[in-house]
mmCIF file of all heavy atoms, coordinates in Angstrom:
data_MODEL
# 
_entry.id   MODEL 
# 
loop_
_atom_site.group_PDB 
_atom_site.id 
_atom_site.type_symbol 
_atom_site.label_atom_id 
_atom_site.label_alt_id 
_atom_site.label_comp_id 
_atom_site.label_asym_id 
_atom_site.label_entity_id 
_atom_site.label_seq_id 
_atom_site.pdbx_PDB_ins_code 
_atom_site.Cartn_x 
_atom_site.Cartn_y 
_atom_site.Cartn_z 
_atom_site.occupancy 
_atom_site.B_iso_or_equiv 
_atom_site.pdbx_formal_charge 
_atom_site.auth_seq_id 
_atom_site.auth_comp_id 
_atom_site.auth_asym_id 
_atom_site.auth_atom_id 
_atom_site.pdbx_PDB_model_num 
ATOM 1   N N   . LYS A 1 1  ? 0.883  -1.194  0.006   1.00 0.00 ? 1  LYS A N   1 
ATOM 2   C CA  . LYS A 1 1  ? 0.000  -0.005  0.000   1.00 0.00 ? 1  LYS A CA  1 
ATOM 3   C C   . LYS A 1 1  ? 0.906  1.246   0.016   1.00 0.00 ? 1  LYS A C   1 
ATOM 4   O O   . LYS A 1 1  ? 1.732  1.409   0.903   1.00 0.00 ? 1  LYS A O   1 
ATOM 5   C CB  . LYS A 1 1  ? -0.906 -0.001  1.253   1.00 0.00 ? 1  LYS A CB  1 
ATOM 6   C CG  . LYS A 1 1  ? -1.859 1.162   1.272   1.00 0.00 ? 1  LYS A CG  1 
ATOM 7   C CD  . LYS A 1 1  ? -2.789 1.065   2.449   1.00 0.00 ? 1  LYS A CD  1 
ATOM 8   C CE  . LYS A 1 1  ? -3.730 2.250   2.447   1.00 0.00 ? 1  LYS A CE  1 
ATOM 9   N NZ  . LYS A 1 1  ? -5.116 1.832   2.443   1.00 0.00 ? 1  LYS A NZ  1 
ATOM 10  N N   . ALA A 1 2  ? 0.756  2.059   -1.030  1.00 0.00 ? 2  ALA A N   1 
ATOM 11  C CA  . ALA A 1 2  ? 1.573  3.268   -1.138  1.00 0.00 ? 2  ALA A CA  1 
ATOM 12  C C   . ALA A 1 2  ? 0.847  4.240   -2.042  1.00 0.00 ? 2  ALA A C   1 
ATOM 13  O O   . ALA A 1 2  ? 0.267  3.857   -3.061  1.00 0.00 ? 2  ALA A O   1 
ATOM 14  C CB  . ALA A 1 2  ? 2.944  2.950   -1.708  1.00 0.00 ? 2  ALA A CB  1 
ATOM 15  N N   . PHE A 1 3  ? 0.875  5.485   -1.682  1.00 0.00 ? 3  PHE A N   1 
ATOM 16  C CA  . PHE A 1 3  ? 0.167  6.517   -2.488  1.00 0.00 ? 3  PHE A CA  1 
ATOM 17  C C   . PHE A 1 3  ? 1.204  7.387   -3.213  1.00 0.00 ? 3  PHE A C   1 
ATOM 18  O O   . PHE A 1 3  ? 1.963  8.102   -2.571  1.00 0.00 ? 3  PHE A O   1 
ATOM 19  C CB  . PHE A 1 3  ? -0.743 7.356   -1.589  1.00 0.00 ? 3  PHE A CB  1 
ATOM 20  C CG  . PHE A 1 3  ? -1.588 8.325   -2.365  1.00 0.00 ? 3  PHE A CG  1 
ATOM 21  C CD1 . PHE A 1 3  ? -2.678 7.887   -3.129  1.00 0.00 ? 3  PHE A CD1 1 
ATOM 22  C CD2 . PHE A 1 3  ? -1.278 9.683   -2.349  1.00 0.00 ? 3  PHE A CD2 1 
ATOM 23  C CE1 . PHE A 1 3  ? -3.447 8.770   -3.841  1.00 0.00 ? 3  PHE A CE1 1 
ATOM 24  C CE2 . PHE A 1 3  ? -2.076 10.567  -3.085  1.00 0.00 ? 3  PHE A CE2 1 
ATOM 25  C CZ  . PHE A 1 3  ? -3.137 10.129  -3.828  1.00 0.00 ? 3  PHE A CZ  1 
ATOM 26  N N   . GLU A 1 4  ? 1.203  7.299   -4.540  1.00 0.00 ? 4  GLU A N   1 
ATOM 27  C CA  . GLU A 1 4  ? 2.023  8.126   -5.398  1.00 0.00 ? 4  GLU A CA  1 
ATOM 28  C C   . GLU A 1 4  ? 3.514  8.046   -5.041  1.00 0.00 ? 4  GLU A C   1 
ATOM 29  O O   . GLU A 1 4  ? 4.252  9.024   -5.146  1.00 0.00 ? 4  GLU A O   1 
ATOM 30  C CB  . GLU A 1 4  ? 1.498  9.547   -5.455  1.00 0.00 ? 4  GLU A CB  1 
ATOM 31  C CG  . GLU A 1 4  ? 0.084  9.601   -6.022  1.00 0.00 ? 4  GLU A CG  1 
ATOM 32  C CD  . GLU A 1 4  ? -0.487 10.987  -6.156  1.00 0.00 ? 4  GLU A CD  1 
ATOM 33  O OE1 . GLU A 1 4  ? 0.138  11.994  -5.703  1.00 0.00 ? 4  GLU A OE1 1 
ATOM 34  O OE2 . GLU A 1 4  ? -1.602 11.120  -6.721  1.00 0.00 ? 4  GLU A OE2 1 
ATOM 35  N N   . ASP A 1 5  ? 3.971  6.898   -4.566  1.00 0.00 ? 5  ASP A N   1 
ATOM 36  C CA  . ASP A 1 5  ? 5.367  6.634   -4.208  1.00 0.00 ? 5  ASP A CA  1 
ATOM 37  C C   . ASP A 1 5  ? 5.626  5.152   -4.450  1.00 0.00 ? 5  ASP A C   1 
ATOM 38  O O   . ASP A 1 5  ? 5.069  4.305   -3.782  1.00 0.00 ? 5  ASP A O   1 
ATOM 39  C CB  . ASP A 1 5  ? 5.600  6.986   -2.717  1.00 0.00 ? 5  ASP A CB  1 
ATOM 40  C CG  . ASP A 1 5  ? 7.022  6.716   -2.253  1.00 0.00 ? 5  ASP A CG  1 
ATOM 41  O OD1 . ASP A 1 5  ? 7.826  6.136   -3.017  1.00 0.00 ? 5  ASP A OD1 1 
ATOM 42  O OD2 . ASP A 1 5  ? 7.331  7.067   -1.101  1.00 0.00 ? 5  ASP A OD2 1 
ATOM 43  N N   . ASN A 1 6  ? 6.481  4.854   -5.428  1.00 0.00 ? 6  ASN A N   1 
ATOM 44  C CA  . ASN A 1 6  ? 6.720  3.444   -5.752  1.00 0.00 ? 6  ASN A CA  1 
ATOM 45  C C   . ASN A 1 6  ? 8.073  2.920   -5.247  1.00 0.00 ? 6  ASN A C   1 
ATOM 46  O O   . ASN A 1 6  ? 8.549  1.905   -5.712  1.00 0.00 ? 6  ASN A O   1 
ATOM 47  C CB  . ASN A 1 6  ? 6.556  3.187   -7.251  1.00 0.00 ? 6  ASN A CB  1 
ATOM 48  C CG  . ASN A 1 6  ? 7.683  3.745   -8.083  1.00 0.00 ? 6  ASN A CG  1 
ATOM 49  O OD1 . ASN A 1 6  ? 8.528  4.511   -7.611  1.00 0.00 ? 6  ASN A OD1 1 
ATOM 50  N ND2 . ASN A 1 6  ? 7.719  3.386   -9.344  1.00 0.00 ? 6  ASN A ND2 1 
ATOM 51  N N   . SER A 1 7  ? 8.661  3.603   -4.270  1.00 0.00 ? 7  SER A N   1 
ATOM 52  C CA  . SER A 1 7  ? 9.917  3.168   -3.690  1.00 0.00 ? 7  SER A CA  1 
ATOM 53  C C   . SER A 1 7  ? 9.871  1.705   -3.224  1.00 0.00 ? 7  SER A C   1 
ATOM 54  O O   . SER A 1 7  ? 10.791 0.931   -3.471  1.00 0.00 ? 7  SER A O   1 
ATOM 55  C CB  . SER A 1 7  ? 10.332 4.042   -2.510  1.00 0.00 ? 7  SER A CB  1 
ATOM 56  O OG  . SER A 1 7  ? 10.341 5.401   -2.827  1.00 0.00 ? 7  SER A OG  1 
ATOM 57  N N   . LEU A 1 8  ? 8.795  1.339   -2.537  1.00 0.00 ? 8  LEU A N   1 
ATOM 58  C CA  . LEU A 1 8  ? 8.696  -0.015  -1.992  1.00 0.00 ? 8  LEU A CA  1 
ATOM 59  C C   . LEU A 1 8  ? 8.349  -1.044  -3.071  1.00 0.00 ? 8  LEU A C   1 
ATOM 60  O O   . LEU A 1 8  ? 8.562  -2.259  -2.862  1.00 0.00 ? 8  LEU A O   1 
ATOM 61  C CB  . LEU A 1 8  ? 7.694  -0.083  -0.857  1.00 0.00 ? 8  LEU A CB  1 
ATOM 62  C CG  . LEU A 1 8  ? 8.037  0.771   0.367   1.00 0.00 ? 8  LEU A CG  1 
ATOM 63  C CD1 . LEU A 1 8  ? 7.006  0.577   1.474   1.00 0.00 ? 8  LEU A CD1 1 
ATOM 64  C CD2 . LEU A 1 8  ? 9.438  0.449   0.903   1.00 0.00 ? 8  LEU A CD2 1 
ATOM 65  N N   . VAL A 1 9  ? 7.840  -0.587  -4.206  1.00 0.00 ? 9  VAL A N   1 
ATOM 66  C CA  . VAL A 1 9  ? 7.563  -1.495  -5.321  1.00 0.00 ? 9  VAL A CA  1 
ATOM 67  C C   . VAL A 1 9  ? 8.865  -2.081  -5.823  1.00 0.00 ? 9  VAL A C   1 
ATOM 68  O O   . VAL A 1 9  ? 9.027  -3.318  -6.012  1.00 0.00 ? 9  VAL A O   1 
ATOM 69  C CB  . VAL A 1 9  ? 6.816  -0.804  -6.461  1.00 0.00 ? 9  VAL A CB  1 
ATOM 70  C CG1 . VAL A 1 9  ? 6.607  -1.732  -7.656  1.00 0.00 ? 9  VAL A CG1 1 
ATOM 71  C CG2 . VAL A 1 9  ? 5.482  -0.276  -5.956  1.00 0.00 ? 9  VAL A CG2 1 
ATOM 72  N N   . ARG A 1 10 ? 9.877  -1.248  -5.997  1.00 0.00 ? 10 ARG A N   1 
ATOM 73  C CA  . ARG A 1 10 ? 11.188 -1.730  -6.447  1.00 0.00 ? 10 ARG A CA  1 
ATOM 74  C C   . ARG A 1 10 ? 11.778 -2.690  -5.442  1.00 0.00 ? 10 ARG A C   1 
ATOM 75  O O   . ARG A 1 10 ? 12.289 -3.758  -5.820  1.00 0.00 ? 10 ARG A O   1 
ATOM 76  C CB  . ARG A 1 10 ? 12.164 -0.563  -6.637  1.00 0.00 ? 10 ARG A CB  1 
ATOM 77  C CG  . ARG A 1 10 ? 13.604 -1.029  -6.956  1.00 0.00 ? 10 ARG A CG  1 
ATOM 78  C CD  . ARG A 1 10 ? 14.509 0.067   -7.402  1.00 0.00 ? 10 ARG A CD  1 
ATOM 79  N NE  . ARG A 1 10 ? 14.131 0.638   -8.648  1.00 0.00 ? 10 ARG A NE  1 
ATOM 80  C CZ  . ARG A 1 10 ? 14.325 0.095   -9.852  1.00 0.00 ? 10 ARG A CZ  1 
ATOM 81  N NH1 . ARG A 1 10 ? 14.937 -1.062  -9.923  1.00 0.00 ? 10 ARG A NH1 1 
ATOM 82  N NH2 . ARG A 1 10 ? 13.967 0.697   -10.944 1.00 0.00 ? 10 ARG A NH2 1 
ATOM 83  N N   . LYS A 1 11 ? 11.672 -2.369  -4.152  1.00 0.00 ? 11 LYS A N   1 
ATOM 84  C CA  . LYS A 1 11 ? 12.204 -3.265  -3.117  1.00 0.00 ? 11 LYS A CA  1 
ATOM 85  C C   . LYS A 1 11 ? 11.509 -4.623  -3.170  1.00 0.00 ? 11 LYS A C   1 
ATOM 86  O O   . LYS A 1 11 ? 12.148 -5.653  -3.004  1.00 0.00 ? 11 LYS A O   1 
ATOM 87  C CB  . LYS A 1 11 ? 12.064 -2.637  -1.746  1.00 0.00 ? 11 LYS A CB  1 
ATOM 88  C CG  . LYS A 1 11 ? 13.003 -1.464  -1.536  1.00 0.00 ? 11 LYS A CG  1 
ATOM 89  C CD  . LYS A 1 11 ? 12.844 -0.815  -0.188  1.00 0.00 ? 11 LYS A CD  1 
ATOM 90  C CE  . LYS A 1 11 ? 13.779 0.393   -0.089  1.00 0.00 ? 11 LYS A CE  1 
ATOM 91  N NZ  . LYS A 1 11 ? 13.605 1.146   1.130   1.00 0.00 ? 11 LYS A NZ  1 
ATOM 92  N N   . ALA A 1 12 ? 10.216 -4.630  -3.383  1.00 0.00 ? 12 ALA A N   1 
ATOM 93  C CA  . ALA A 1 12 ? 9.462  -5.883  -3.463  1.00 0.00 ? 12 ALA A CA  1 
ATOM 94  C C   . ALA A 1 12 ? 9.973  -6.710  -4.640  1.00 0.00 ? 12 ALA A C   1 
ATOM 95  O O   . ALA A 1 12 ? 10.248 -7.923  -4.505  1.00 0.00 ? 12 ALA A O   1 
ATOM 96  C CB  . ALA A 1 12 ? 7.985  -5.632  -3.596  1.00 0.00 ? 12 ALA A CB  1 
ATOM 97  N N   . PHE A 1 13 ? 10.114 -6.118  -5.827  1.00 0.00 ? 13 PHE A N   1 
ATOM 98  C CA  . PHE A 1 13 ? 10.516 -6.865  -7.018  1.00 0.00 ? 13 PHE A CA  1 
ATOM 99  C C   . PHE A 1 13 ? 11.996 -7.219  -6.996  1.00 0.00 ? 13 PHE A C   1 
ATOM 100 O O   . PHE A 1 13 ? 12.404 -8.059  -7.811  1.00 0.00 ? 13 PHE A O   1 
ATOM 101 C CB  . PHE A 1 13 ? 10.156 -6.082  -8.278  1.00 0.00 ? 13 PHE A CB  1 
ATOM 102 C CG  . PHE A 1 13 ? 8.671  -6.106  -8.571  1.00 0.00 ? 13 PHE A CG  1 
ATOM 103 C CD1 . PHE A 1 13 ? 8.011  -4.944  -8.911  1.00 0.00 ? 13 PHE A CD1 1 
ATOM 104 C CD2 . PHE A 1 13 ? 7.951  -7.282  -8.468  1.00 0.00 ? 13 PHE A CD2 1 
ATOM 105 C CE1 . PHE A 1 13 ? 6.669  -4.940  -9.215  1.00 0.00 ? 13 PHE A CE1 1 
ATOM 106 C CE2 . PHE A 1 13 ? 6.593  -7.307  -8.757  1.00 0.00 ? 13 PHE A CE2 1 
ATOM 107 C CZ  . PHE A 1 13 ? 5.953  -6.126  -9.129  1.00 0.00 ? 13 PHE A CZ  1 
ATOM 108 N N   . GLU A 1 14 ? 12.770 -6.674  -6.087  1.00 0.00 ? 14 GLU A N   1 
ATOM 109 C CA  . GLU A 1 14 ? 14.150 -7.118  -5.936  1.00 0.00 ? 14 GLU A CA  1 
ATOM 110 C C   . GLU A 1 14 ? 14.211 -8.465  -5.225  1.00 0.00 ? 14 GLU A C   1 
ATOM 111 O O   . GLU A 1 14 ? 15.226 -9.154  -5.261  1.00 0.00 ? 14 GLU A O   1 
ATOM 112 C CB  . GLU A 1 14 ? 14.976 -6.061  -5.168  1.00 0.00 ? 14 GLU A CB  1 
ATOM 113 C CG  . GLU A 1 14 ? 15.244 -4.853  -5.995  1.00 0.00 ? 14 GLU A CG  1 
ATOM 114 C CD  . GLU A 1 14 ? 15.885 -3.714  -5.214  1.00 0.00 ? 14 GLU A CD  1 
ATOM 115 O OE1 . GLU A 1 14 ? 15.865 -3.733  -3.977  1.00 0.00 ? 14 GLU A OE1 1 
ATOM 116 O OE2 . GLU A 1 14 ? 16.415 -2.748  -5.890  1.00 0.00 ? 14 GLU A OE2 1 
ATOM 117 N N   . GLU A 1 15 ? 13.123 -8.863  -4.542  1.00 0.00 ? 15 GLU A N   1 
ATOM 118 C CA  . GLU A 1 15 ? 13.060 -10.160 -3.859  1.00 0.00 ? 15 GLU A CA  1 
ATOM 119 C C   . GLU A 1 15 ? 12.726 -11.260 -4.848  1.00 0.00 ? 15 GLU A C   1 
ATOM 120 O O   . GLU A 1 15 ? 12.105 -10.984 -5.879  1.00 0.00 ? 15 GLU A O   1 
ATOM 121 C CB  . GLU A 1 15 ? 11.921 -10.141 -2.807  1.00 0.00 ? 15 GLU A CB  1 
ATOM 122 C CG  . GLU A 1 15 ? 12.011 -9.107  -1.765  1.00 0.00 ? 15 GLU A CG  1 
ATOM 123 C CD  . GLU A 1 15 ? 10.749 -9.009  -0.927  1.00 0.00 ? 15 GLU A CD  1 
ATOM 124 O OE1 . GLU A 1 15 ? 9.793  -9.819  -1.134  1.00 0.00 ? 15 GLU A OE1 1 
ATOM 125 O OE2 . GLU A 1 15 ? 10.711 -8.125  -0.062  1.00 0.00 ? 15 GLU A OE2 1 
ATOM 126 N N   . PRO A 1 16 ? 13.090 -12.512 -4.541  1.00 0.00 ? 16 PRO A N   1 
ATOM 127 C CA  . PRO A 1 16 ? 12.637 -13.634 -5.379  1.00 0.00 ? 16 PRO A CA  1 
ATOM 128 C C   . PRO A 1 16 ? 11.097 -13.673 -5.383  1.00 0.00 ? 16 PRO A C   1 
ATOM 129 O O   . PRO A 1 16 ? 10.476 -13.676 -4.318  1.00 0.00 ? 16 PRO A O   1 
ATOM 130 C CB  . PRO A 1 16 ? 13.217 -14.858 -4.711  1.00 0.00 ? 16 PRO A CB  1 
ATOM 131 C CG  . PRO A 1 16 ? 14.353 -14.360 -3.857  1.00 0.00 ? 16 PRO A CG  1 
ATOM 132 C CD  . PRO A 1 16 ? 13.963 -12.965 -3.453  1.00 0.00 ? 16 PRO A CD  1 
ATOM 133 N N   . GLY A 1 17 ? 10.511 -13.709 -6.567  1.00 0.00 ? 17 GLY A N   1 
ATOM 134 C CA  . GLY A 1 17 ? 9.039  -13.687 -6.668  1.00 0.00 ? 17 GLY A CA  1 
ATOM 135 C C   . GLY A 1 17 ? 8.409  -15.032 -6.373  1.00 0.00 ? 17 GLY A C   1 
ATOM 136 O O   . GLY A 1 17 ? 7.299  -15.081 -5.840  1.00 0.00 ? 17 GLY A O   1 
ATOM 137 N N   . GLN A 1 18 ? 9.062  -16.115 -6.783  1.00 0.00 ? 18 GLN A N   1 
ATOM 138 C CA  . GLN A 1 18 ? 8.554  -17.460 -6.537  1.00 0.00 ? 18 GLN A CA  1 
ATOM 139 C C   . GLN A 1 18 ? 7.110  -17.606 -7.001  1.00 0.00 ? 18 GLN A C   1 
ATOM 140 O O   . GLN A 1 18 ? 6.294  -18.244 -6.378  1.00 0.00 ? 18 GLN A O   1 
ATOM 141 C CB  . GLN A 1 18 ? 8.689  -17.830 -5.055  1.00 0.00 ? 18 GLN A CB  1 
ATOM 142 C CG  . GLN A 1 18 ? 10.131 -17.735 -4.590  1.00 0.00 ? 18 GLN A CG  1 
ATOM 143 C CD  . GLN A 1 18 ? 10.293 -17.888 -3.083  1.00 0.00 ? 18 GLN A CD  1 
ATOM 144 O OE1 . GLN A 1 18 ? 9.519  -17.305 -2.332  1.00 0.00 ? 18 GLN A OE1 1 
ATOM 145 N NE2 . GLN A 1 18 ? 11.274 -18.655 -2.695  1.00 0.00 ? 18 GLN A NE2 1 
ATOM 146 N N   . GLY A 1 19 ? 6.813  -16.983 -8.174  1.00 0.00 ? 19 GLY A N   1 
ATOM 147 C CA  . GLY A 1 19 ? 5.485  -17.128 -8.777  1.00 0.00 ? 19 GLY A CA  1 
ATOM 148 C C   . GLY A 1 19 ? 4.399  -16.307 -8.097  1.00 0.00 ? 19 GLY A C   1 
ATOM 149 O O   . GLY A 1 19 ? 3.213  -16.474 -8.397  1.00 0.00 ? 19 GLY A O   1 
ATOM 150 N N   . ARG A 1 20 ? 4.780  -15.361 -7.236  1.00 0.00 ? 20 ARG A N   1 
ATOM 151 C CA  . ARG A 1 20 ? 3.792  -14.529 -6.576  1.00 0.00 ? 20 ARG A CA  1 
ATOM 152 C C   . ARG A 1 20 ? 3.278  -13.424 -7.440  1.00 0.00 ? 20 ARG A C   1 
ATOM 153 O O   . ARG A 1 20 ? 3.854  -13.089 -8.466  1.00 0.00 ? 20 ARG A O   1 
ATOM 154 C CB  . ARG A 1 20 ? 4.386  -13.901 -5.287  1.00 0.00 ? 20 ARG A CB  1 
ATOM 155 C CG  . ARG A 1 20 ? 4.637  -14.904 -4.198  1.00 0.00 ? 20 ARG A CG  1 
ATOM 156 C CD  . ARG A 1 20 ? 5.199  -14.251 -2.953  1.00 0.00 ? 20 ARG A CD  1 
ATOM 157 N NE  . ARG A 1 20 ? 6.572  -13.757 -3.255  1.00 0.00 ? 20 ARG A NE  1 
ATOM 158 C CZ  . ARG A 1 20 ? 7.214  -12.879 -2.482  1.00 0.00 ? 20 ARG A CZ  1 
ATOM 159 N NH1 . ARG A 1 20 ? 6.669  -12.369 -1.408  1.00 0.00 ? 20 ARG A NH1 1 
ATOM 160 N NH2 . ARG A 1 20 ? 8.445  -12.504 -2.808  1.00 0.00 ? 20 ARG A NH2 1 
ATOM 161 N N   . VAL A 1 21 ? 2.183  -12.831 -7.009  1.00 0.00 ? 21 VAL A N   1 
ATOM 162 C CA  . VAL A 1 21 ? 1.572  -11.674 -7.676  1.00 0.00 ? 21 VAL A CA  1 
ATOM 163 C C   . VAL A 1 21 ? 1.593  -10.516 -6.663  1.00 0.00 ? 21 VAL A C   1 
ATOM 164 O O   . VAL A 1 21 ? 1.102  -10.653 -5.548  1.00 0.00 ? 21 VAL A O   1 
ATOM 165 C CB  . VAL A 1 21 ? 0.122  -11.959 -8.124  1.00 0.00 ? 21 VAL A CB  1 
ATOM 166 C CG1 . VAL A 1 21 ? -0.540 -10.707 -8.711  1.00 0.00 ? 21 VAL A CG1 1 
ATOM 167 C CG2 . VAL A 1 21 ? 0.080  -13.104 -9.113  1.00 0.00 ? 21 VAL A CG2 1 
ATOM 168 N N   . LEU A 1 22 ? 2.186  -9.375  -7.052  1.00 0.00 ? 22 LEU A N   1 
ATOM 169 C CA  . LEU A 1 22 ? 2.204  -8.227  -6.184  1.00 0.00 ? 22 LEU A CA  1 
ATOM 170 C C   . LEU A 1 22 ? 0.942  -7.393  -6.442  1.00 0.00 ? 22 LEU A C   1 
ATOM 171 O O   . LEU A 1 22 ? 0.700  -6.969  -7.583  1.00 0.00 ? 22 LEU A O   1 
ATOM 172 C CB  . LEU A 1 22 ? 3.455  -7.363  -6.372  1.00 0.00 ? 22 LEU A CB  1 
ATOM 173 C CG  . LEU A 1 22 ? 3.605  -6.197  -5.427  1.00 0.00 ? 22 LEU A CG  1 
ATOM 174 C CD1 . LEU A 1 22 ? 3.757  -6.651  -3.972  1.00 0.00 ? 22 LEU A CD1 1 
ATOM 175 C CD2 . LEU A 1 22 ? 4.801  -5.304  -5.846  1.00 0.00 ? 22 LEU A CD2 1 
ATOM 176 N N   . VAL A 1 23 ? 0.175  -7.144  -5.392  1.00 0.00 ? 23 VAL A N   1 
ATOM 177 C CA  . VAL A 1 23 ? -1.012 -6.308  -5.484  1.00 0.00 ? 23 VAL A CA  1 
ATOM 178 C C   . VAL A 1 23 ? -0.664 -4.969  -4.842  1.00 0.00 ? 23 VAL A C   1 
ATOM 179 O O   . VAL A 1 23 ? -0.331 -4.926  -3.669  1.00 0.00 ? 23 VAL A O   1 
ATOM 180 C CB  . VAL A 1 23 ? -2.214 -6.967  -4.767  1.00 0.00 ? 23 VAL A CB  1 
ATOM 181 C CG1 . VAL A 1 23 ? -3.441 -6.054  -4.842  1.00 0.00 ? 23 VAL A CG1 1 
ATOM 182 C CG2 . VAL A 1 23 ? -2.510 -8.368  -5.348  1.00 0.00 ? 23 VAL A CG2 1 
ATOM 183 N N   . ILE A 1 24 ? -0.730 -3.933  -5.665  1.00 0.00 ? 24 ILE A N   1 
ATOM 184 C CA  . ILE A 1 24 ? -0.354 -2.574  -5.200  1.00 0.00 ? 24 ILE A CA  1 
ATOM 185 C C   . ILE A 1 24 ? -1.575 -1.714  -5.071  1.00 0.00 ? 24 ILE A C   1 
ATOM 186 O O   . ILE A 1 24 ? -2.319 -1.503  -6.080  1.00 0.00 ? 24 ILE A O   1 
ATOM 187 C CB  . ILE A 1 24 ? 0.615  -1.918  -6.207  1.00 0.00 ? 24 ILE A CB  1 
ATOM 188 C CG1 . ILE A 1 24 ? 1.833  -2.776  -6.417  1.00 0.00 ? 24 ILE A CG1 1 
ATOM 189 C CG2 . ILE A 1 24 ? 0.986  -0.519  -5.738  1.00 0.00 ? 24 ILE A CG2 1 
ATOM 190 C CD1 . ILE A 1 24 ? 2.694  -2.334  -7.605  1.00 0.00 ? 24 ILE A CD1 1 
ATOM 191 N N   . ASP A 1 25 ? -1.859 -1.232  -3.884  1.00 0.00 ? 25 ASP A N   1 
ATOM 192 C CA  . ASP A 1 25 ? -2.940 -0.263  -3.696  1.00 0.00 ? 25 ASP A CA  1 
ATOM 193 C C   . ASP A 1 25 ? -2.360 1.134   -3.749  1.00 0.00 ? 25 ASP A C   1 
ATOM 194 O O   . ASP A 1 25 ? -1.821 1.605   -2.750  1.00 0.00 ? 25 ASP A O   1 
ATOM 195 C CB  . ASP A 1 25 ? -3.701 -0.505  -2.398  1.00 0.00 ? 25 ASP A CB  1 
ATOM 196 C CG  . ASP A 1 25 ? -4.923 0.384   -2.255  1.00 0.00 ? 25 ASP A CG  1 
ATOM 197 O OD1 . ASP A 1 25 ? -5.149 1.242   -3.109  1.00 0.00 ? 25 ASP A OD1 1 
ATOM 198 O OD2 . ASP A 1 25 ? -5.646 0.197   -1.251  1.00 0.00 ? 25 ASP A OD2 1 
# 
């Protein structure tokens, strides 16, 4: 959950995804 800031999106995608789906609010 982040409003008009995708800093944590990059951090999430730097992790191994292992077939997960990232849901961004």
